[in-house]
Amino acid sequence: MKSTKKVVVIQRVLPHYRISFFDALAEKLRDSDIELEVVYGNEKEGSVPKTAEGNWAWAKKIPNQYITLLGKELVWQSAVRKCSNADLVIVEQANRLILNHILLIKKNIVRKPRIAFLGHGKNFQSKENDFLSYLSEKLKQYLLSSVDWWFSYTELSTRHLIKLGIDKRNITTFNNCVDTTEFKRCFDLPMTESDRRNFTHQAGIVGEQVGLFCGGMYQEKRLEFLLESCLLIKEKLPDFEMLFIGGGPDEDLLVEACKKYQWMKYLGPKFSEEKARYFELSGALLMPGLVGLAIVDSFVSKTPIITTDIDYHSPEIEYISSGNNGLMTGNTIQEYANAVIKFYRDENLRGQLARGCSESSEQITLDGMVDKFAAGVCACLNEYR
């Protein structure tokens, strides 16, 4: 009789958007006689993402302790005992997670359990250049080959790992995604012309050329850059209006701008069907700053993202093929505004990008992510080189 193997995934927090993934992964691994346990903790007070609350057969919540040392944050996750009977432990690649270092030391002594990193190989958003940050990145590089396997978010992350000497046979690229089932359902019954008129009237939208920002509102999103771009766009496209969905520490910047310009609308956080309606009204997602999983919503809604060529996008930027399913412009306000203006004036371009989004939505899916991740788990347990 084949014995059941156990895989433990350690997550600092368990965001709501990961529930569907772990639900499906647990079921998929069960078919291969592998038990999944996800051990997760609480977020730091006042931070995001927040940990989801619920009862799942595959989940176990533990307390996290957040410690500041020399101005840097460390996190203690009391999960050593949880890992003791696992065949494979998958941890987030982050130096601040003290548990990671304990597990790697233990592995060097007793040779088990197998350890895998879930990550990118480097911090794509890091802009710090102080000495401690430099040491942190050096430590991260040093530890790259200390694990048995890698679960890489995208091909961009995988190429970086291979460049640093990781055997590609020990890397699983799972193409990070979120569950879009509910969001897709919202588009199954498109708005009638009457529904559209009523919704736009209620939202105070009078223009036909509508841009949308949707996401967290913080420094890396470059909201000042976006606002200045919108002023240039409005000069050339008098019918242009701009909508802002989301929230965050920089939302006051948008609130003030929307008080000054009636053609800008700050809408706050929106979800499900209401969020989908705003996507349907919009021609494009205007996001010149950091872009990550918003790309998936862009594909599902056939609302192309227009962004800039900056070096701190999340690895999901790999999914964008400029000119096919989105646009990436030069990193100046004028170049960005010009690209947006061209997009709204060129009906053929809008149609081409919308079709590209639709095709990409069939390629980047939660089911595909689950299949790839499960295959990587099995490969690590059975075929580690």
Protein backbone atom coordinates (compact mmCIF):
# COMPACT_ATOMS: atom_id res chain seq x y z
CA MET A 1 0.00 0.00 0.00
CA LYS A 2 1.37 3.40 -1.01
CA SER A 3 2.15 5.62 2.01
CA THR A 4 0.78 9.15 2.17
CA LYS A 5 3.37 11.90 2.02
CA LYS A 6 2.95 15.25 3.74
CA VAL A 7 3.69 18.71 2.39
CA VAL A 8 3.66 21.77 4.66
CA VAL A 9 3.44 25.26 3.16
CA ILE A 10 4.42 28.07 5.51
CA GLN A 11 2.77 31.41 4.75
CA ARG A 12 3.35 34.54 6.80
CA VAL A 13 -0.29 35.49 6.13
CA LEU A 14 -3.10 33.83 4.19
CA PRO A 15 -4.74 36.47 1.93
CA HIS A 16 -8.32 35.86 0.84
CA TYR A 17 -7.25 35.57 -2.80
CA ARG A 18 -5.18 32.44 -1.99
CA ILE A 19 -8.05 30.40 -0.53
CA SER A 20 -9.25 29.04 -3.89
CA PHE A 21 -5.70 28.09 -4.86
CA PHE A 22 -5.00 26.08 -1.71
CA ASP A 23 -8.47 24.48 -1.83
CA ALA A 24 -7.79 23.21 -5.35
CA LEU A 25 -4.16 22.29 -4.60
CA ALA A 26 -5.16 20.20 -1.56
CA GLU A 27 -7.63 18.26 -3.69
CA LYS A 28 -5.14 17.79 -6.52
CA LEU A 29 -2.40 16.51 -4.22
CA ARG A 30 -4.82 14.18 -2.46
CA ASP A 31 -5.21 12.35 -5.78
CA SER A 32 -1.46 11.62 -5.57
CA ASP A 33 -1.63 10.47 -1.92
CA ILE A 34 -0.08 13.69 -0.68
CA GLU A 35 -1.50 15.55 2.31
CA LEU A 36 -1.28 19.36 2.24
CA GLU A 37 -1.12 21.55 5.34
CA VAL A 38 -0.86 25.33 5.09
CA VAL A 39 0.46 26.99 8.24
CA TYR A 40 -0.17 30.73 8.36
CA GLY A 41 -0.18 33.62 10.81
CA ASN A 42 -1.48 37.09 11.49
CA GLU A 43 -0.46 40.25 9.65
CA LYS A 44 1.35 43.07 11.43
CA GLU A 45 -1.20 45.48 12.83
CA GLY A 46 -2.13 48.13 10.27
CA SER A 47 -0.47 46.33 7.35
CA VAL A 48 -1.74 44.60 4.22
CA PRO A 49 -2.47 42.02 3.00
CA LYS A 50 -4.65 40.89 5.86
CA THR A 51 -5.04 37.26 6.85
CA ALA A 52 -8.34 35.65 5.89
CA GLU A 53 -10.48 34.19 8.65
CA GLY A 54 -12.15 30.81 8.22
CA ASN A 55 -11.98 27.08 8.80
CA TRP A 56 -10.33 24.96 6.13
CA ALA A 57 -9.31 21.33 6.53
CA TRP A 58 -5.87 22.07 5.06
CA ALA A 59 -5.12 25.15 7.20
CA LYS A 60 -3.60 25.76 10.62
CA LYS A 61 -3.23 29.26 12.08
CA ILE A 62 -0.35 30.15 14.40
CA PRO A 63 0.67 33.47 15.98
CA ASN A 64 3.33 35.59 14.29
CA GLN A 65 5.66 37.81 16.28
CA TYR A 66 7.07 40.91 14.58
CA ILE A 67 10.47 42.11 15.84
CA THR A 68 12.48 45.18 14.83
CA LEU A 69 16.27 44.79 14.85
CA LEU A 70 18.64 47.49 13.58
CA GLY A 71 15.72 49.13 11.81
CA LYS A 72 14.77 45.94 9.95
CA GLU A 73 11.69 43.82 10.57
CA LEU A 74 12.02 40.15 11.50
CA VAL A 75 9.16 37.67 11.80
CA TRP A 76 9.00 34.67 14.11
CA GLN A 77 6.58 31.88 13.09
CA SER A 78 6.32 29.14 15.73
CA ALA A 79 5.99 26.26 13.26
CA VAL A 80 9.13 24.15 13.81
CA ARG A 81 7.10 21.32 15.32
CA LYS A 82 4.60 21.48 12.46
CA CYS A 83 7.44 20.79 10.00
CA SER A 84 9.01 17.89 11.89
CA ASN A 85 6.97 15.12 10.25
CA ALA A 86 6.76 16.66 6.78
CA ASP A 87 8.36 15.19 3.67
CA LEU A 88 8.55 18.62 2.05
CA VAL A 89 8.31 22.12 3.52
CA ILE A 90 7.68 25.06 1.19
CA VAL A 91 8.58 28.48 2.59
CA GLU A 92 8.47 32.00 1.22
CA GLN A 93 11.88 33.23 0.13
CA ALA A 94 12.41 36.05 2.62
CA ASN A 95 15.41 36.68 4.87
CA ARG A 96 13.22 38.29 7.56
CA LEU A 97 11.47 34.96 8.23
CA ILE A 98 13.53 33.49 11.10
CA LEU A 99 11.94 30.06 10.67
CA ASN A 100 13.54 29.67 7.23
CA HIS A 101 17.05 29.83 8.66
CA ILE A 102 16.24 27.34 11.43
CA LEU A 103 14.80 24.86 8.93
CA LEU A 104 17.84 25.18 6.65
CA ILE A 105 20.24 24.62 9.56
CA LYS A 106 18.24 21.58 10.67
CA LYS A 107 18.22 20.21 7.12
CA ASN A 108 22.03 20.44 6.97
CA ILE A 109 22.26 18.39 10.16
CA VAL A 110 19.59 15.68 9.77
CA ARG A 111 19.09 15.92 5.97
CA LYS A 112 15.31 16.32 6.23
CA PRO A 113 12.72 17.43 5.48
CA ARG A 114 13.23 18.61 1.94
CA ILE A 115 12.93 22.40 1.68
CA ALA A 116 11.61 24.45 -1.23
CA PHE A 117 11.56 28.20 -1.73
CA LEU A 118 8.49 29.96 -3.08
CA GLY A 119 9.64 33.23 -4.59
CA HIS A 120 11.42 35.23 -7.26
CA GLY A 121 15.11 34.87 -6.49
CA LYS A 122 15.31 38.56 -5.65
CA ASN A 123 13.15 41.42 -4.40
CA PHE A 124 11.82 43.04 -7.58
CA GLN A 125 10.44 46.02 -5.61
CA SER A 126 13.54 46.75 -3.53
CA LYS A 127 14.79 50.30 -4.01
CA GLU A 128 16.80 50.52 -0.81
CA ASN A 129 20.53 50.91 -1.20
CA ASP A 130 21.71 50.99 2.43
CA PHE A 131 24.34 48.57 3.68
CA LEU A 132 21.89 46.29 5.52
CA SER A 133 19.74 45.94 2.39
CA TYR A 134 22.87 45.12 0.41
CA LEU A 135 23.78 42.40 2.93
CA SER A 136 20.23 41.07 2.84
CA GLU A 137 20.34 40.64 -0.94
CA LYS A 138 23.75 38.97 -0.70
CA LEU A 139 22.39 36.55 1.90
CA LYS A 140 19.41 35.86 -0.35
CA GLN A 141 21.77 34.98 -3.21
CA TYR A 142 23.90 32.80 -0.92
CA LEU A 143 20.85 30.79 0.15
CA LEU A 144 19.51 30.29 -3.39
CA SER A 145 21.07 26.85 -3.81
CA SER A 146 20.55 25.73 -0.20
CA VAL A 147 17.06 24.40 -0.94
CA ASP A 148 15.98 21.27 -2.81
CA TRP A 149 13.44 22.92 -5.10
CA TRP A 150 12.13 26.24 -6.34
CA PHE A 151 8.56 27.34 -7.02
CA SER A 152 8.93 30.36 -9.28
CA TYR A 153 6.11 32.81 -9.91
CA THR A 154 6.74 33.44 -13.62
CA GLU A 155 9.27 32.80 -16.37
CA LEU A 156 10.85 36.16 -15.48
CA SER A 157 11.69 34.80 -12.02
CA THR A 158 12.85 31.49 -13.51
CA ARG A 159 15.24 33.15 -15.93
CA HIS A 160 16.73 35.10 -13.02
CA LEU A 161 17.20 31.89 -10.99
CA ILE A 162 18.85 30.06 -13.89
CA LYS A 163 21.16 33.05 -14.43
CA LEU A 164 22.25 32.70 -10.80
CA GLY A 165 23.09 29.02 -11.26
CA ILE A 166 19.95 27.14 -10.19
CA ASP A 167 19.38 23.91 -12.15
CA LYS A 168 16.27 24.51 -14.27
CA ARG A 169 15.23 20.90 -13.64
CA ASN A 170 14.71 21.85 -9.99
CA ILE A 171 12.47 24.84 -10.77
CA THR A 172 8.70 24.77 -11.16
CA THR A 173 7.28 27.85 -12.91
CA PHE A 174 3.64 27.95 -11.87
CA ASN A 175 2.49 31.25 -13.46
CA ASN A 176 1.03 33.10 -10.51
CA CYS A 177 -2.69 33.79 -10.82
CA VAL A 178 -5.86 34.31 -8.79
CA ASP A 179 -9.30 32.76 -9.01
CA THR A 180 -11.21 34.76 -11.62
CA THR A 181 -14.35 32.59 -11.65
CA GLU A 182 -16.54 35.16 -9.91
CA PHE A 183 -15.11 38.07 -11.90
CA LYS A 184 -15.68 36.19 -15.17
CA ARG A 185 -19.27 35.45 -14.15
CA CYS A 186 -19.87 39.19 -13.82
CA PHE A 187 -19.15 39.59 -17.55
CA ASP A 188 -21.35 36.71 -18.70
CA LEU A 189 -24.34 39.05 -18.90
CA PRO A 190 -22.96 42.29 -20.37
CA MET A 191 -24.74 45.55 -19.70
CA THR A 192 -27.59 46.47 -22.02
CA GLU A 193 -27.52 49.97 -23.45
CA SER A 194 -30.20 50.94 -20.95
CA ASP A 195 -28.21 49.47 -18.05
CA ARG A 196 -25.14 51.32 -19.27
CA ARG A 197 -26.97 54.67 -19.38
CA ASN A 198 -28.39 54.18 -15.89
CA PHE A 199 -25.03 53.12 -14.41
CA THR A 200 -23.06 55.96 -16.01
CA HIS A 201 -25.69 58.45 -14.84
CA GLN A 202 -25.50 57.19 -11.26
CA ALA A 203 -21.71 57.30 -11.35
CA GLY A 204 -21.69 60.80 -12.82
CA ILE A 205 -19.81 59.73 -15.95
CA VAL A 206 -20.56 61.77 -19.06
CA GLY A 207 -17.54 61.07 -21.30
CA GLU A 208 -17.13 58.13 -23.67
CA GLN A 209 -13.34 57.84 -23.36
CA VAL A 210 -12.91 56.50 -19.84
CA GLY A 211 -9.70 55.47 -18.12
CA LEU A 212 -9.55 53.36 -14.95
CA PHE A 213 -7.05 52.91 -12.14
CA CYS A 214 -7.79 49.91 -9.91
CA GLY A 215 -5.57 48.80 -7.05
CA GLY A 216 -3.66 49.81 -3.95
CA MET A 217 -2.88 53.49 -3.65
CA TYR A 218 0.70 53.84 -2.43
CA GLN A 219 4.00 55.32 -3.57
CA GLU A 220 5.05 52.58 -6.00
CA LYS A 221 1.82 53.06 -7.96
CA ARG A 222 3.06 56.51 -9.08
CA LEU A 223 -0.25 58.34 -8.67
CA GLU A 224 1.29 61.81 -9.12
CA PHE A 225 2.74 60.62 -12.44
CA LEU A 226 -0.71 59.35 -13.42
CA LEU A 227 -2.48 62.57 -12.45
CA GLU A 228 -0.07 64.71 -14.49
CA SER A 229 -0.50 62.32 -17.43
CA CYS A 230 -4.28 62.63 -17.19
CA LEU A 231 -4.06 66.43 -17.47
CA LEU A 232 -2.11 66.07 -20.73
CA ILE A 233 -4.56 63.44 -22.01
CA LYS A 234 -7.53 65.70 -21.24
CA GLU A 235 -5.99 68.53 -23.30
CA LYS A 236 -6.03 66.31 -26.42
CA LEU A 237 -9.16 64.29 -25.60
CA PRO A 238 -11.84 66.66 -24.22
CA ASP A 239 -14.22 63.70 -23.75
CA PHE A 240 -11.75 61.87 -21.45
CA GLU A 241 -12.72 60.94 -17.88
CA MET A 242 -10.71 59.11 -15.23
CA LEU A 243 -11.98 56.71 -12.54
CA PHE A 244 -10.05 55.58 -9.46
CA ILE A 245 -10.96 52.36 -7.62
CA GLY A 246 -9.12 51.19 -4.52
CA GLY A 247 -7.62 52.62 -1.36
CA GLY A 248 -4.37 53.08 0.50
CA PRO A 249 -2.07 55.62 2.12
CA ASP A 250 -1.96 57.85 -0.99
CA GLU A 251 -5.72 57.96 -1.60
CA ASP A 252 -5.96 61.53 -0.22
CA LEU A 253 -3.92 62.67 -3.23
CA LEU A 254 -6.69 61.40 -5.51
CA VAL A 255 -9.51 62.71 -3.34
CA GLU A 256 -8.08 66.22 -3.59
CA ALA A 257 -7.53 65.94 -7.36
CA CYS A 258 -11.11 64.75 -7.88
CA LYS A 259 -12.43 67.74 -5.93
CA LYS A 260 -10.55 70.01 -8.30
CA TYR A 261 -11.42 68.24 -11.57
CA GLN A 262 -14.99 67.06 -12.08
CA TRP A 263 -13.91 64.68 -14.84
CA MET A 264 -11.96 62.65 -12.29
CA LYS A 265 -13.91 60.33 -9.95
CA TYR A 266 -12.59 58.71 -6.77
CA LEU A 267 -14.82 55.69 -6.12
CA GLY A 268 -13.07 53.89 -3.24
CA PRO A 269 -12.86 50.08 -3.08
CA LYS A 270 -15.29 48.18 -5.32
CA PHE A 271 -15.89 44.45 -5.60
CA SER A 272 -17.55 41.75 -7.70
CA GLU A 273 -20.29 42.93 -10.05
CA GLU A 274 -19.98 46.63 -9.26
CA LYS A 275 -16.24 46.50 -9.94
CA ALA A 276 -16.90 44.65 -13.21
CA ARG A 277 -19.33 47.35 -14.35
CA TYR A 278 -16.62 50.00 -14.05
CA PHE A 279 -14.24 47.80 -16.03
CA GLU A 280 -16.88 47.48 -18.77
CA LEU A 281 -17.25 51.25 -18.96
CA SER A 282 -13.50 51.80 -19.24
CA GLY A 283 -11.33 51.52 -22.32
CA ALA A 284 -8.07 50.82 -20.49
CA LEU A 285 -6.44 50.35 -17.10
CA LEU A 286 -4.06 53.28 -16.66
CA MET A 287 -1.37 52.08 -14.25
CA PRO A 288 2.03 53.70 -14.88
CA GLY A 289 3.51 52.39 -11.62
CA LEU A 290 3.98 48.94 -10.17
CA VAL A 291 1.81 46.32 -11.87
CA GLY A 292 1.18 42.81 -10.55
CA LEU A 293 -1.91 40.60 -10.45
CA ALA A 294 -4.10 43.42 -11.80
CA ILE A 295 -2.96 42.02 -15.14
CA VAL A 296 -5.22 39.00 -14.59
CA ASP A 297 -8.29 41.24 -14.14
CA SER A 298 -7.20 43.12 -17.25
CA PHE A 299 -7.21 39.92 -19.29
CA VAL A 300 -10.55 38.65 -17.98
CA SER A 301 -12.31 41.98 -18.57
CA LYS A 302 -10.57 42.61 -21.92
CA THR A 303 -9.49 45.99 -20.53
CA PRO A 304 -5.83 46.42 -21.61
CA ILE A 305 -3.28 47.77 -19.14
CA ILE A 306 -1.15 50.72 -20.20
CA THR A 307 1.97 50.95 -18.04
CA THR A 308 5.58 52.18 -18.17
CA ASP A 309 8.92 50.46 -18.52
CA ILE A 310 10.18 50.55 -14.92
CA ASP A 311 12.39 48.02 -13.14
CA TYR A 312 10.24 47.27 -10.08
CA HIS A 313 7.12 45.72 -11.58
CA SER A 314 6.06 42.42 -10.03
CA PRO A 315 7.14 39.32 -12.01
CA GLU A 316 3.60 39.04 -13.43
CA ILE A 317 4.61 41.84 -15.82
CA GLU A 318 5.95 38.92 -17.87
CA TYR A 319 2.36 38.26 -18.98
CA ILE A 320 2.13 41.56 -20.85
CA SER A 321 3.17 41.54 -24.50
CA SER A 322 3.22 45.21 -25.47
CA GLY A 323 1.15 45.82 -28.55
CA ASN A 324 -0.64 42.47 -28.24
CA ASN A 325 -2.49 42.40 -24.88
CA GLY A 326 -1.39 45.70 -23.33
CA LEU A 327 0.99 48.60 -23.80
CA MET A 328 4.30 49.44 -22.13
CA THR A 329 5.57 52.94 -22.80
CA GLY A 330 8.73 54.89 -22.13
CA ASN A 331 9.15 56.17 -18.58
CA THR A 332 8.16 59.81 -19.06
CA ILE A 333 4.83 61.55 -18.52
CA GLN A 334 4.74 62.80 -22.11
CA GLU A 335 5.43 59.37 -23.63
CA TYR A 336 2.82 57.79 -21.41
CA ALA A 337 0.17 60.40 -22.18
CA ASN A 338 0.88 60.13 -25.91
CA ALA A 339 0.40 56.34 -25.82
CA VAL A 340 -2.93 56.68 -24.00
CA ILE A 341 -4.12 59.32 -26.47
CA LYS A 342 -3.16 57.08 -29.42
CA PHE A 343 -5.00 54.15 -27.79
CA TYR A 344 -8.28 56.05 -27.51
CA ARG A 345 -8.00 57.47 -31.03
CA ASP A 346 -7.14 54.15 -32.71
CA GLU A 347 -10.13 51.79 -32.85
CA ASN A 348 -8.08 49.04 -34.52
CA LEU A 349 -5.50 49.14 -31.74
CA ARG A 350 -8.21 48.91 -29.07
CA GLY A 351 -9.74 45.90 -30.79
CA GLN A 352 -6.37 44.19 -31.21
CA LEU A 353 -5.44 44.61 -27.54
CA ALA A 354 -8.87 43.45 -26.36
CA ARG A 355 -8.53 40.27 -28.42
CA GLY A 356 -5.06 39.74 -26.99
CA CYS A 357 -6.41 40.09 -23.45
CA SER A 358 -9.09 37.50 -24.19
CA GLU A 359 -6.53 35.02 -25.52
CA SER A 360 -4.23 35.58 -22.53
CA SER A 361 -7.10 35.01 -20.10
CA GLU A 362 -7.31 31.45 -21.41
CA GLN A 363 -3.58 30.87 -20.85
CA ILE A 364 -3.09 32.35 -17.35
CA THR A 365 -5.60 30.49 -15.17
CA LEU A 366 -5.96 29.19 -11.64
CA ASP A 367 -6.39 25.63 -12.93
CA GLY A 368 -3.11 25.90 -14.80
CA MET A 369 -1.37 27.29 -11.73
CA VAL A 370 -2.66 24.42 -9.57
CA ASP A 371 -1.61 21.78 -12.11
CA LYS A 372 1.91 23.19 -12.42
CA PHE A 373 2.36 23.60 -8.67
CA ALA A 374 1.12 20.06 -7.91
CA ALA A 375 3.40 18.64 -10.59
CA GLY A 376 6.32 20.47 -8.99
CA VAL A 377 5.52 19.02 -5.58
CA CYS A 378 5.43 15.50 -7.00
CA ALA A 379 8.67 16.07 -8.91
CA CYS A 380 10.45 17.35 -5.81
CA LEU A 381 9.28 14.40 -3.71
CA ASN A 382 10.06 11.77 -6.32
CA GLU A 383 12.66 13.08 -8.75
CA TYR A 384 14.89 15.58 -6.94
CA ARG A 385 18.28 15.90 -8.71
